[in-house]
N, C-alpha and C. Protein backbone atom coordinates (compact mmCIF):
# COMPACT_ATOMS: atom_id res chain seq x y z
N MET A 1 -14.12 -12.85 -13.30
CA MET A 1 -14.17 -13.54 -12.03
C MET A 1 -14.25 -12.51 -10.92
N ALA A 2 -15.01 -12.84 -9.92
CA ALA A 2 -15.12 -11.97 -8.74
C ALA A 2 -15.04 -12.85 -7.50
N TYR A 3 -14.25 -12.41 -6.54
CA TYR A 3 -14.10 -13.11 -5.26
C TYR A 3 -14.60 -12.17 -4.18
N THR A 4 -15.61 -12.61 -3.44
CA THR A 4 -16.17 -11.78 -2.38
C THR A 4 -16.50 -12.64 -1.16
N SER A 5 -16.63 -11.99 -0.03
CA SER A 5 -17.12 -12.68 1.17
C SER A 5 -18.63 -12.61 1.17
N ARG A 6 -19.24 -13.70 1.54
CA ARG A 6 -20.69 -13.67 1.78
C ARG A 6 -20.88 -13.08 3.17
N TRP A 7 -21.80 -12.16 3.30
CA TRP A 7 -22.09 -11.59 4.62
C TRP A 7 -23.39 -12.18 5.11
N LEU A 8 -23.34 -12.77 6.27
CA LEU A 8 -24.49 -13.47 6.84
C LEU A 8 -25.21 -12.56 7.83
N ASN A 9 -26.51 -12.41 7.63
CA ASN A 9 -27.32 -11.58 8.51
C ASN A 9 -27.92 -12.49 9.57
N ARG A 10 -27.59 -12.21 10.81
CA ARG A 10 -28.08 -13.03 11.92
C ARG A 10 -28.88 -12.21 12.92
N GLY A 11 -29.60 -11.24 12.43
CA GLY A 11 -30.45 -10.45 13.31
C GLY A 11 -30.25 -8.97 13.05
N ALA A 12 -30.92 -8.17 13.88
CA ALA A 12 -30.86 -6.72 13.73
C ALA A 12 -29.42 -6.24 13.85
N ASN A 13 -28.90 -5.73 12.76
CA ASN A 13 -27.54 -5.19 12.70
C ASN A 13 -26.46 -6.19 13.11
N VAL A 14 -26.71 -7.48 12.91
CA VAL A 14 -25.71 -8.50 13.22
C VAL A 14 -25.33 -9.20 11.92
N ASN A 15 -24.22 -8.78 11.35
CA ASN A 15 -23.70 -9.37 10.12
C ASN A 15 -22.28 -9.84 10.39
N PHE A 16 -21.95 -11.01 9.87
CA PHE A 16 -20.57 -11.46 9.97
C PHE A 16 -20.20 -12.21 8.70
N PRO A 17 -18.88 -12.28 8.43
CA PRO A 17 -18.45 -12.88 7.16
C PRO A 17 -18.70 -14.38 7.13
N GLY A 18 -19.16 -14.83 5.98
CA GLY A 18 -19.37 -16.26 5.75
C GLY A 18 -18.29 -16.80 4.82
N HIS A 19 -18.66 -17.77 4.04
CA HIS A 19 -17.72 -18.40 3.12
C HIS A 19 -17.33 -17.47 1.98
N LEU A 20 -16.23 -17.80 1.35
CA LEU A 20 -15.79 -17.08 0.16
C LEU A 20 -16.74 -17.41 -0.98
N ARG A 21 -17.10 -16.40 -1.73
CA ARG A 21 -17.97 -16.58 -2.89
C ARG A 21 -17.16 -16.28 -4.13
N VAL A 22 -17.17 -17.21 -5.07
CA VAL A 22 -16.45 -17.04 -6.34
C VAL A 22 -17.49 -17.02 -7.44
N GLU A 23 -17.51 -15.94 -8.21
CA GLU A 23 -18.45 -15.83 -9.32
C GLU A 23 -17.66 -15.74 -10.62
N VAL A 24 -17.96 -16.64 -11.54
CA VAL A 24 -17.28 -16.67 -12.83
C VAL A 24 -18.33 -16.49 -13.91
N THR A 25 -18.09 -15.55 -14.81
CA THR A 25 -19.00 -15.35 -15.94
C THR A 25 -18.18 -15.40 -17.22
N GLY A 26 -18.82 -15.79 -18.28
CA GLY A 26 -18.13 -15.85 -19.56
C GLY A 26 -19.02 -16.44 -20.63
N ASN A 27 -18.46 -16.56 -21.81
CA ASN A 27 -19.20 -17.08 -22.96
C ASN A 27 -18.72 -18.48 -23.29
N GLY A 28 -19.62 -19.28 -23.83
CA GLY A 28 -19.26 -20.62 -24.25
C GLY A 28 -20.39 -21.25 -25.03
N PRO A 29 -20.10 -22.38 -25.66
CA PRO A 29 -21.11 -23.03 -26.50
C PRO A 29 -22.30 -23.58 -25.71
N SER A 30 -22.05 -24.08 -24.50
CA SER A 30 -23.14 -24.60 -23.67
C SER A 30 -22.68 -24.65 -22.22
N LEU A 31 -23.64 -24.68 -21.32
CA LEU A 31 -23.32 -24.77 -19.89
C LEU A 31 -22.52 -26.03 -19.61
N GLU A 32 -22.91 -27.13 -20.21
CA GLU A 32 -22.23 -28.40 -19.98
C GLU A 32 -20.74 -28.32 -20.36
N GLU A 33 -20.43 -27.59 -21.43
CA GLU A 33 -19.05 -27.50 -21.89
C GLU A 33 -18.20 -26.51 -21.10
N VAL A 34 -18.82 -25.55 -20.43
CA VAL A 34 -18.03 -24.53 -19.73
C VAL A 34 -18.05 -24.64 -18.21
N LEU A 35 -18.95 -25.43 -17.65
CA LEU A 35 -19.08 -25.48 -16.20
C LEU A 35 -17.77 -25.88 -15.51
N VAL A 36 -17.16 -26.97 -15.93
CA VAL A 36 -15.92 -27.42 -15.29
C VAL A 36 -14.76 -26.47 -15.57
N PRO A 37 -14.52 -26.05 -16.84
CA PRO A 37 -13.42 -25.10 -17.05
C PRO A 37 -13.60 -23.78 -16.30
N PHE A 38 -14.83 -23.27 -16.23
CA PHE A 38 -15.06 -22.03 -15.49
C PHE A 38 -14.83 -22.25 -14.00
N ALA A 39 -15.29 -23.38 -13.47
CA ALA A 39 -15.07 -23.67 -12.05
C ALA A 39 -13.57 -23.77 -11.77
N ASN A 40 -12.84 -24.47 -12.62
CA ASN A 40 -11.39 -24.57 -12.43
C ASN A 40 -10.71 -23.21 -12.52
N GLY A 41 -11.19 -22.37 -13.43
CA GLY A 41 -10.65 -21.02 -13.52
C GLY A 41 -10.86 -20.24 -12.24
N GLY A 42 -12.04 -20.39 -11.66
CA GLY A 42 -12.33 -19.72 -10.39
C GLY A 42 -11.47 -20.22 -9.25
N LEU A 43 -11.20 -21.53 -9.25
CA LEU A 43 -10.39 -22.12 -8.19
C LEU A 43 -8.90 -21.80 -8.35
N ALA A 44 -8.48 -21.46 -9.56
CA ALA A 44 -7.05 -21.26 -9.84
C ALA A 44 -6.41 -20.16 -9.01
N MET A 45 -7.17 -19.16 -8.63
CA MET A 45 -6.60 -18.04 -7.87
C MET A 45 -6.64 -18.26 -6.36
N LEU A 46 -7.32 -19.29 -5.89
CA LEU A 46 -7.43 -19.50 -4.45
C LEU A 46 -6.07 -19.64 -3.76
N PRO A 47 -5.11 -20.37 -4.34
CA PRO A 47 -3.81 -20.45 -3.67
C PRO A 47 -3.14 -19.08 -3.50
N VAL A 48 -3.28 -18.21 -4.50
CA VAL A 48 -2.67 -16.88 -4.40
C VAL A 48 -3.39 -16.06 -3.32
N LEU A 49 -4.71 -16.19 -3.23
CA LEU A 49 -5.44 -15.49 -2.17
C LEU A 49 -5.00 -15.98 -0.80
N ALA A 50 -4.83 -17.29 -0.66
CA ALA A 50 -4.36 -17.85 0.61
C ALA A 50 -2.97 -17.34 0.95
N LEU A 51 -2.09 -17.30 -0.04
CA LEU A 51 -0.73 -16.80 0.18
C LEU A 51 -0.75 -15.34 0.62
N CYS A 52 -1.49 -14.51 -0.10
CA CYS A 52 -1.49 -13.08 0.19
C CYS A 52 -2.15 -12.75 1.52
N ALA A 53 -3.13 -13.54 1.93
CA ALA A 53 -3.78 -13.32 3.22
C ALA A 53 -3.10 -14.10 4.33
N ASN A 54 -2.23 -15.02 3.95
CA ASN A 54 -1.61 -15.96 4.90
C ASN A 54 -2.69 -16.61 5.76
N ALA A 55 -3.71 -17.10 5.06
CA ALA A 55 -4.86 -17.70 5.75
C ALA A 55 -5.44 -18.82 4.91
N ALA A 56 -5.99 -19.81 5.58
CA ALA A 56 -6.66 -20.91 4.88
C ALA A 56 -7.86 -20.37 4.12
N VAL A 57 -8.07 -20.90 2.95
CA VAL A 57 -9.19 -20.47 2.12
C VAL A 57 -10.25 -21.56 2.03
N GLY A 58 -9.86 -22.80 2.20
CA GLY A 58 -10.80 -23.90 2.07
C GLY A 58 -10.98 -24.29 0.62
N GLU A 59 -11.88 -25.19 0.40
CA GLU A 59 -12.13 -25.71 -0.95
C GLU A 59 -13.59 -25.49 -1.29
N PRO A 60 -13.90 -24.41 -2.01
CA PRO A 60 -15.30 -24.15 -2.35
C PRO A 60 -15.87 -25.24 -3.26
N GLU A 61 -17.18 -25.34 -3.25
CA GLU A 61 -17.88 -26.27 -4.11
C GLU A 61 -18.75 -25.48 -5.08
N VAL A 62 -18.90 -26.01 -6.28
CA VAL A 62 -19.78 -25.37 -7.25
C VAL A 62 -21.21 -25.62 -6.79
N GLU A 63 -21.91 -24.53 -6.54
CA GLU A 63 -23.29 -24.63 -6.07
C GLU A 63 -24.28 -24.38 -7.20
N LEU A 64 -23.95 -23.44 -8.07
CA LEU A 64 -24.92 -23.03 -9.07
C LEU A 64 -24.21 -22.63 -10.35
N GLY A 65 -24.74 -23.08 -11.46
CA GLY A 65 -24.27 -22.65 -12.78
C GLY A 65 -25.50 -22.49 -13.66
N PHE A 66 -25.52 -21.44 -14.44
CA PHE A 66 -26.70 -21.25 -15.29
C PHE A 66 -26.34 -20.50 -16.56
N GLU A 67 -27.15 -20.76 -17.57
CA GLU A 67 -27.00 -20.08 -18.85
C GLU A 67 -27.69 -18.72 -18.74
N ASN A 68 -27.09 -17.71 -19.33
CA ASN A 68 -27.63 -16.37 -19.22
C ASN A 68 -27.78 -15.72 -20.60
N THR A 69 -28.12 -16.53 -21.58
CA THR A 69 -28.27 -16.02 -22.94
C THR A 69 -29.48 -15.10 -23.01
N PRO A 70 -29.30 -13.88 -23.54
CA PRO A 70 -30.44 -12.96 -23.63
C PRO A 70 -31.47 -13.45 -24.66
N GLU A 71 -32.70 -13.05 -24.45
CA GLU A 71 -33.79 -13.26 -25.40
C GLU A 71 -34.16 -14.73 -25.62
N ILE A 72 -33.89 -15.60 -24.63
CA ILE A 72 -34.41 -16.96 -24.72
C ILE A 72 -35.29 -17.19 -23.49
N THR A 73 -36.19 -18.15 -23.58
CA THR A 73 -37.12 -18.37 -22.48
C THR A 73 -36.79 -19.60 -21.64
N GLU A 74 -36.00 -20.52 -22.17
CA GLU A 74 -35.57 -21.69 -21.41
C GLU A 74 -34.05 -21.69 -21.31
N ARG A 75 -33.56 -21.97 -20.10
CA ARG A 75 -32.11 -21.92 -19.86
C ARG A 75 -31.66 -23.18 -19.14
N ASP A 76 -30.47 -23.64 -19.53
CA ASP A 76 -29.86 -24.74 -18.79
C ASP A 76 -29.35 -24.22 -17.46
N TYR A 77 -29.38 -25.08 -16.45
CA TYR A 77 -28.80 -24.71 -15.17
C TYR A 77 -28.26 -25.95 -14.49
N PHE A 78 -27.36 -25.72 -13.56
CA PHE A 78 -26.78 -26.77 -12.73
C PHE A 78 -26.89 -26.29 -11.30
N GLN A 79 -27.36 -27.17 -10.42
CA GLN A 79 -27.39 -26.82 -9.00
C GLN A 79 -27.01 -28.04 -8.20
N CYS A 80 -26.15 -27.82 -7.22
CA CYS A 80 -25.68 -28.89 -6.35
C CYS A 80 -25.97 -28.48 -4.91
N TYR A 81 -26.43 -29.42 -4.12
CA TYR A 81 -26.70 -29.11 -2.72
C TYR A 81 -25.38 -28.84 -1.99
N VAL A 82 -25.29 -27.69 -1.39
CA VAL A 82 -24.17 -27.33 -0.53
C VAL A 82 -24.77 -26.99 0.82
N PRO A 83 -24.35 -27.66 1.89
CA PRO A 83 -24.94 -27.39 3.21
C PRO A 83 -24.84 -25.92 3.59
N SER A 84 -25.84 -25.45 4.29
CA SER A 84 -25.85 -24.06 4.75
C SER A 84 -24.68 -23.80 5.69
N GLU A 85 -24.27 -22.57 5.71
CA GLU A 85 -23.19 -22.19 6.63
C GLU A 85 -23.71 -22.22 8.06
N THR A 86 -22.83 -22.58 8.96
CA THR A 86 -23.21 -22.64 10.38
C THR A 86 -23.08 -21.25 10.99
N ASP A 87 -23.53 -21.13 12.22
CA ASP A 87 -23.40 -19.86 12.94
C ASP A 87 -22.07 -19.76 13.68
N ILE A 88 -21.18 -20.69 13.42
CA ILE A 88 -19.84 -20.61 14.03
C ILE A 88 -19.09 -19.48 13.35
N ILE A 89 -18.64 -18.54 14.15
CA ILE A 89 -17.91 -17.40 13.60
C ILE A 89 -16.45 -17.78 13.44
N HIS A 90 -15.94 -17.60 12.23
CA HIS A 90 -14.55 -17.89 11.93
C HIS A 90 -13.76 -16.59 11.88
N ILE A 91 -12.53 -16.67 12.30
CA ILE A 91 -11.66 -15.51 12.17
C ILE A 91 -11.41 -15.30 10.68
N CYS A 92 -11.52 -14.08 10.24
CA CYS A 92 -11.30 -13.82 8.82
C CYS A 92 -10.21 -12.77 8.66
N ARG A 93 -9.66 -12.74 7.48
CA ARG A 93 -8.66 -11.74 7.15
C ARG A 93 -9.11 -11.04 5.88
N HIS A 94 -8.91 -9.75 5.87
CA HIS A 94 -9.23 -9.00 4.67
C HIS A 94 -8.05 -9.11 3.71
N ILE A 95 -8.37 -9.22 2.45
CA ILE A 95 -7.35 -9.29 1.41
C ILE A 95 -7.00 -7.87 1.00
N LYS A 96 -5.73 -7.58 0.96
CA LYS A 96 -5.28 -6.28 0.46
C LYS A 96 -5.23 -6.39 -1.06
N VAL A 97 -6.23 -5.82 -1.70
CA VAL A 97 -6.45 -6.03 -3.13
C VAL A 97 -5.26 -5.56 -3.96
N ASP A 98 -4.75 -4.36 -3.72
CA ASP A 98 -3.65 -3.85 -4.54
C ASP A 98 -2.43 -4.76 -4.48
N GLN A 99 -2.07 -5.20 -3.27
CA GLN A 99 -0.91 -6.07 -3.12
C GLN A 99 -1.16 -7.43 -3.77
N THR A 100 -2.37 -7.94 -3.64
CA THR A 100 -2.71 -9.24 -4.23
C THR A 100 -2.65 -9.16 -5.75
N VAL A 101 -3.17 -8.09 -6.32
CA VAL A 101 -3.09 -7.90 -7.77
C VAL A 101 -1.64 -7.82 -8.22
N SER A 102 -0.80 -7.15 -7.44
CA SER A 102 0.63 -7.08 -7.78
C SER A 102 1.27 -8.46 -7.78
N VAL A 103 0.91 -9.29 -6.82
CA VAL A 103 1.44 -10.66 -6.77
C VAL A 103 0.97 -11.45 -7.99
N ILE A 104 -0.30 -11.33 -8.33
CA ILE A 104 -0.85 -12.04 -9.49
C ILE A 104 -0.14 -11.62 -10.76
N ARG A 105 0.08 -10.33 -10.93
CA ARG A 105 0.77 -9.83 -12.14
C ARG A 105 2.22 -10.30 -12.18
N ALA A 106 2.91 -10.23 -11.05
CA ALA A 106 4.31 -10.68 -11.00
C ALA A 106 4.39 -12.17 -11.30
N LEU A 107 3.47 -12.92 -10.78
CA LEU A 107 3.45 -14.37 -11.02
C LEU A 107 3.20 -14.66 -12.49
N ALA A 108 2.30 -13.93 -13.11
CA ALA A 108 1.98 -14.14 -14.53
C ALA A 108 3.19 -13.86 -15.42
N LYS A 109 4.03 -12.90 -15.04
CA LYS A 109 5.20 -12.53 -15.84
C LYS A 109 6.41 -13.40 -15.58
N HIS A 110 6.43 -14.11 -14.46
CA HIS A 110 7.62 -14.86 -14.06
C HIS A 110 7.85 -16.05 -14.97
N SER A 111 9.10 -16.27 -15.36
CA SER A 111 9.43 -17.38 -16.25
C SER A 111 9.17 -18.74 -15.62
N GLU A 112 9.10 -18.80 -14.31
CA GLU A 112 8.88 -20.08 -13.61
C GLU A 112 7.52 -20.08 -12.90
N SER A 113 6.54 -19.41 -13.51
CA SER A 113 5.25 -19.25 -12.82
C SER A 113 4.58 -20.59 -12.51
N GLU A 114 4.70 -21.57 -13.37
CA GLU A 114 4.05 -22.86 -13.09
C GLU A 114 4.64 -23.52 -11.85
N ARG A 115 5.94 -23.50 -11.72
CA ARG A 115 6.59 -24.10 -10.54
C ARG A 115 6.24 -23.28 -9.30
N LEU A 116 6.23 -21.96 -9.42
CA LEU A 116 5.85 -21.13 -8.28
C LEU A 116 4.40 -21.39 -7.87
N ARG A 117 3.53 -21.56 -8.85
CA ARG A 117 2.12 -21.86 -8.55
C ARG A 117 1.99 -23.20 -7.81
N ARG A 118 2.79 -24.18 -8.20
CA ARG A 118 2.77 -25.46 -7.49
C ARG A 118 3.17 -25.26 -6.03
N GLY A 119 4.22 -24.46 -5.82
CA GLY A 119 4.65 -24.18 -4.45
C GLY A 119 3.59 -23.43 -3.66
N ILE A 120 2.97 -22.45 -4.30
CA ILE A 120 1.92 -21.67 -3.64
C ILE A 120 0.73 -22.55 -3.30
N ASN A 121 0.37 -23.48 -4.20
CA ASN A 121 -0.75 -24.37 -3.91
C ASN A 121 -0.43 -25.30 -2.75
N GLN A 122 0.81 -25.78 -2.66
CA GLN A 122 1.19 -26.61 -1.51
C GLN A 122 1.10 -25.80 -0.22
N TYR A 123 1.47 -24.52 -0.29
CA TYR A 123 1.35 -23.65 0.89
C TYR A 123 -0.12 -23.51 1.29
N ARG A 124 -1.00 -23.35 0.30
CA ARG A 124 -2.44 -23.26 0.58
C ARG A 124 -2.94 -24.52 1.27
N LEU A 125 -2.49 -25.67 0.76
CA LEU A 125 -2.90 -26.94 1.38
C LEU A 125 -2.37 -27.05 2.81
N ALA A 126 -1.16 -26.54 3.04
CA ALA A 126 -0.61 -26.54 4.41
C ALA A 126 -1.47 -25.67 5.33
N LEU A 127 -1.86 -24.49 4.85
CA LEU A 127 -2.72 -23.62 5.66
C LEU A 127 -4.06 -24.28 5.95
N ASP A 128 -4.62 -24.97 4.95
CA ASP A 128 -5.90 -25.66 5.14
C ASP A 128 -5.78 -26.78 6.16
N SER A 129 -4.58 -27.36 6.30
CA SER A 129 -4.36 -28.48 7.22
C SER A 129 -3.84 -28.04 8.58
N TRP A 130 -3.66 -26.76 8.79
CA TRP A 130 -3.02 -26.23 10.00
C TRP A 130 -3.99 -26.25 11.18
N ARG A 131 -4.14 -27.43 11.78
CA ARG A 131 -4.97 -27.56 12.98
C ARG A 131 -4.53 -28.78 13.77
N LEU A 132 -4.98 -28.83 14.97
CA LEU A 132 -4.59 -29.89 15.89
C LEU A 132 -4.87 -31.26 15.29
N GLY A 133 -3.87 -32.12 15.33
CA GLY A 133 -4.01 -33.47 14.81
C GLY A 133 -3.61 -33.62 13.36
N ARG A 134 -3.40 -32.51 12.66
CA ARG A 134 -3.03 -32.58 11.24
C ARG A 134 -1.68 -31.92 10.99
N GLU A 135 -0.88 -31.83 12.04
CA GLU A 135 0.42 -31.15 11.94
C GLU A 135 1.33 -31.82 10.91
N THR A 136 1.33 -33.15 10.89
CA THR A 136 2.20 -33.86 9.95
C THR A 136 1.81 -33.56 8.51
N LEU A 137 0.52 -33.54 8.23
CA LEU A 137 0.06 -33.22 6.88
C LEU A 137 0.43 -31.79 6.51
N ALA A 138 0.25 -30.86 7.44
CA ALA A 138 0.61 -29.46 7.17
C ALA A 138 2.09 -29.34 6.86
N LEU A 139 2.93 -29.98 7.67
CA LEU A 139 4.37 -29.92 7.43
C LEU A 139 4.77 -30.60 6.13
N THR A 140 4.07 -31.66 5.78
CA THR A 140 4.34 -32.34 4.50
C THR A 140 4.08 -31.38 3.34
N HIS A 141 2.98 -30.65 3.39
CA HIS A 141 2.69 -29.69 2.32
C HIS A 141 3.69 -28.53 2.32
N LEU A 142 4.14 -28.10 3.49
CA LEU A 142 5.17 -27.05 3.54
C LEU A 142 6.46 -27.55 2.90
N TRP A 143 6.81 -28.81 3.16
CA TRP A 143 8.02 -29.37 2.56
C TRP A 143 7.88 -29.43 1.04
N MET A 144 6.71 -29.85 0.55
CA MET A 144 6.50 -29.92 -0.90
C MET A 144 6.54 -28.52 -1.52
N ALA A 145 6.05 -27.52 -0.80
CA ALA A 145 6.14 -26.14 -1.29
C ALA A 145 7.59 -25.72 -1.42
N LEU A 146 8.37 -26.04 -0.41
CA LEU A 146 9.80 -25.71 -0.42
C LEU A 146 10.51 -26.43 -1.56
N GLU A 147 10.18 -27.69 -1.76
CA GLU A 147 10.77 -28.46 -2.86
C GLU A 147 10.44 -27.81 -4.21
N ALA A 148 9.21 -27.35 -4.37
CA ALA A 148 8.80 -26.77 -5.64
C ALA A 148 9.55 -25.49 -5.95
N ILE A 149 9.81 -24.67 -4.93
CA ILE A 149 10.46 -23.38 -5.22
C ILE A 149 11.98 -23.43 -5.13
N THR A 150 12.56 -24.52 -4.63
CA THR A 150 14.01 -24.60 -4.52
C THR A 150 14.69 -24.47 -5.87
N LYS A 151 14.18 -25.16 -6.89
CA LYS A 151 14.80 -25.10 -8.22
C LYS A 151 14.69 -23.69 -8.80
N VAL A 152 13.61 -22.99 -8.49
CA VAL A 152 13.48 -21.60 -8.94
C VAL A 152 14.59 -20.76 -8.32
N LYS A 153 14.79 -20.93 -7.03
CA LYS A 153 15.84 -20.18 -6.32
C LYS A 153 17.22 -20.51 -6.90
N ILE A 154 17.47 -21.78 -7.18
CA ILE A 154 18.77 -22.16 -7.75
C ILE A 154 18.97 -21.49 -9.11
N ARG A 155 17.96 -21.53 -9.97
CA ARG A 155 18.11 -20.92 -11.30
C ARG A 155 18.26 -19.40 -11.19
N MET A 156 17.53 -18.79 -10.27
CA MET A 156 17.68 -17.34 -10.09
C MET A 156 19.06 -16.99 -9.56
N GLU A 157 19.57 -17.80 -8.66
CA GLU A 157 20.91 -17.57 -8.10
C GLU A 157 21.98 -17.74 -9.18
N CYS A 158 21.83 -18.75 -10.03
CA CYS A 158 22.77 -18.93 -11.15
C CYS A 158 22.75 -17.71 -12.06
N SER A 159 21.56 -17.24 -12.38
CA SER A 159 21.42 -16.07 -13.25
C SER A 159 22.03 -14.83 -12.62
N ALA A 160 21.76 -14.60 -11.34
CA ALA A 160 22.28 -13.42 -10.65
C ALA A 160 23.81 -13.43 -10.59
N ARG A 161 24.39 -14.62 -10.50
CA ARG A 161 25.86 -14.73 -10.41
C ARG A 161 26.52 -14.91 -11.78
N GLY A 162 25.71 -14.94 -12.84
CA GLY A 162 26.27 -15.13 -14.18
C GLY A 162 26.81 -16.53 -14.41
N LEU A 163 26.23 -17.51 -13.74
CA LEU A 163 26.69 -18.90 -13.87
C LEU A 163 25.78 -19.64 -14.85
N SER A 164 26.34 -20.61 -15.54
CA SER A 164 25.56 -21.31 -16.56
C SER A 164 25.06 -22.68 -16.13
N SER A 165 25.44 -23.14 -14.94
CA SER A 165 25.00 -24.47 -14.52
C SER A 165 24.89 -24.56 -13.00
N GLN A 166 24.15 -25.55 -12.56
CA GLN A 166 24.03 -25.81 -11.13
C GLN A 166 25.38 -26.25 -10.56
N LYS A 167 26.16 -26.94 -11.37
CA LYS A 167 27.49 -27.39 -10.93
C LYS A 167 28.36 -26.17 -10.60
N GLU A 168 28.32 -25.16 -11.46
CA GLU A 168 29.09 -23.94 -11.19
C GLU A 168 28.63 -23.28 -9.90
N LEU A 169 27.33 -23.27 -9.65
CA LEU A 169 26.81 -22.69 -8.41
C LEU A 169 27.29 -23.49 -7.21
N ALA A 170 27.22 -24.80 -7.30
CA ALA A 170 27.69 -25.66 -6.21
C ALA A 170 29.17 -25.39 -5.94
N ASP A 171 29.97 -25.29 -6.99
CA ASP A 171 31.40 -25.01 -6.83
C ASP A 171 31.62 -23.65 -6.16
N SER A 172 30.84 -22.64 -6.57
CA SER A 172 31.02 -21.31 -6.00
C SER A 172 30.61 -21.26 -4.52
N LEU A 173 29.71 -22.16 -4.13
CA LEU A 173 29.29 -22.24 -2.73
C LEU A 173 30.11 -23.24 -1.93
N ASP A 174 31.04 -23.89 -2.63
CA ASP A 174 31.93 -24.88 -2.02
C ASP A 174 31.15 -26.04 -1.39
N VAL A 175 30.16 -26.53 -2.16
CA VAL A 175 29.39 -27.71 -1.73
C VAL A 175 29.34 -28.70 -2.89
N GLN A 176 29.06 -29.96 -2.55
CA GLN A 176 28.87 -30.96 -3.59
C GLN A 176 27.54 -30.70 -4.29
N LEU A 177 27.46 -31.08 -5.56
CA LEU A 177 26.25 -30.85 -6.34
C LEU A 177 25.03 -31.49 -5.67
N LYS A 178 25.20 -32.68 -5.09
CA LYS A 178 24.06 -33.34 -4.45
C LYS A 178 23.60 -32.62 -3.18
N GLN A 179 24.40 -31.69 -2.67
CA GLN A 179 24.04 -30.92 -1.48
C GLN A 179 23.53 -29.52 -1.82
N LEU A 180 23.46 -29.21 -3.13
CA LEU A 180 23.09 -27.86 -3.54
C LEU A 180 21.67 -27.49 -3.10
N ASP A 181 20.70 -28.37 -3.33
CA ASP A 181 19.32 -28.06 -2.94
C ASP A 181 19.23 -27.72 -1.45
N ALA A 182 19.83 -28.56 -0.63
CA ALA A 182 19.78 -28.34 0.83
C ALA A 182 20.48 -27.04 1.21
N THR A 183 21.56 -26.71 0.53
CA THR A 183 22.30 -25.48 0.83
C THR A 183 21.48 -24.25 0.46
N VAL A 184 20.84 -24.30 -0.68
CA VAL A 184 20.06 -23.15 -1.16
C VAL A 184 18.81 -22.96 -0.32
N ARG A 185 18.24 -24.07 0.16
CA ARG A 185 17.03 -23.96 0.99
C ARG A 185 17.36 -23.18 2.23
C-alpha cells in the first residue's frame, strides 16, 4: 500500500496538493474477488493518518482497479467515475512518516488494538465533520471515541495498580462502580 498526495499542475510552476491517493497492489485469484478487500485494506489506515496529522482525511472512492498479470493480452479492469478535483486550494498537513509508522506499530502490538482503532476511527469522523453547522455531529463522534477508549484506560489503570477488577479500581478511587467510567475519563 502507498499513500501519497496528488499534485495538481495549474500552470507554469504552479503545483498544489490535491486529494489523497491510495494505491494497493497484491495478488489474488481475480479482480472481482480482491477489489473490495484491497479497497478496505487501503481505507483501514486512513483513521491513523487522520490521527497522526490531526486533520480530516475525507473518504476516498475507488476510481480504478485492474489486473496486472504478466504475459497476458486481455485484462479485467474496474473504473468508476470520480469527479475531477476543483481548483479550491485546501489547507494540507504533511504526515510525519516516522512518527506515523511508530503509531501503526504500537497499535498493531497493543492488546486492545481493535477498541483503540474504533476510537481512532470515531476521531477521524469527528475531524471530517468539523465545520460550521456540523458541530453536534463532530462532538457526537468525539464522545464515541472517548467511550471506545475509556475501557482501555480502565484496564490499563487496573494493570498498572496491580488490581484484578474494575470494582477494586473504583474502590481505590473512592467512587461507586457506576461512576468509574466518568471518573477515569
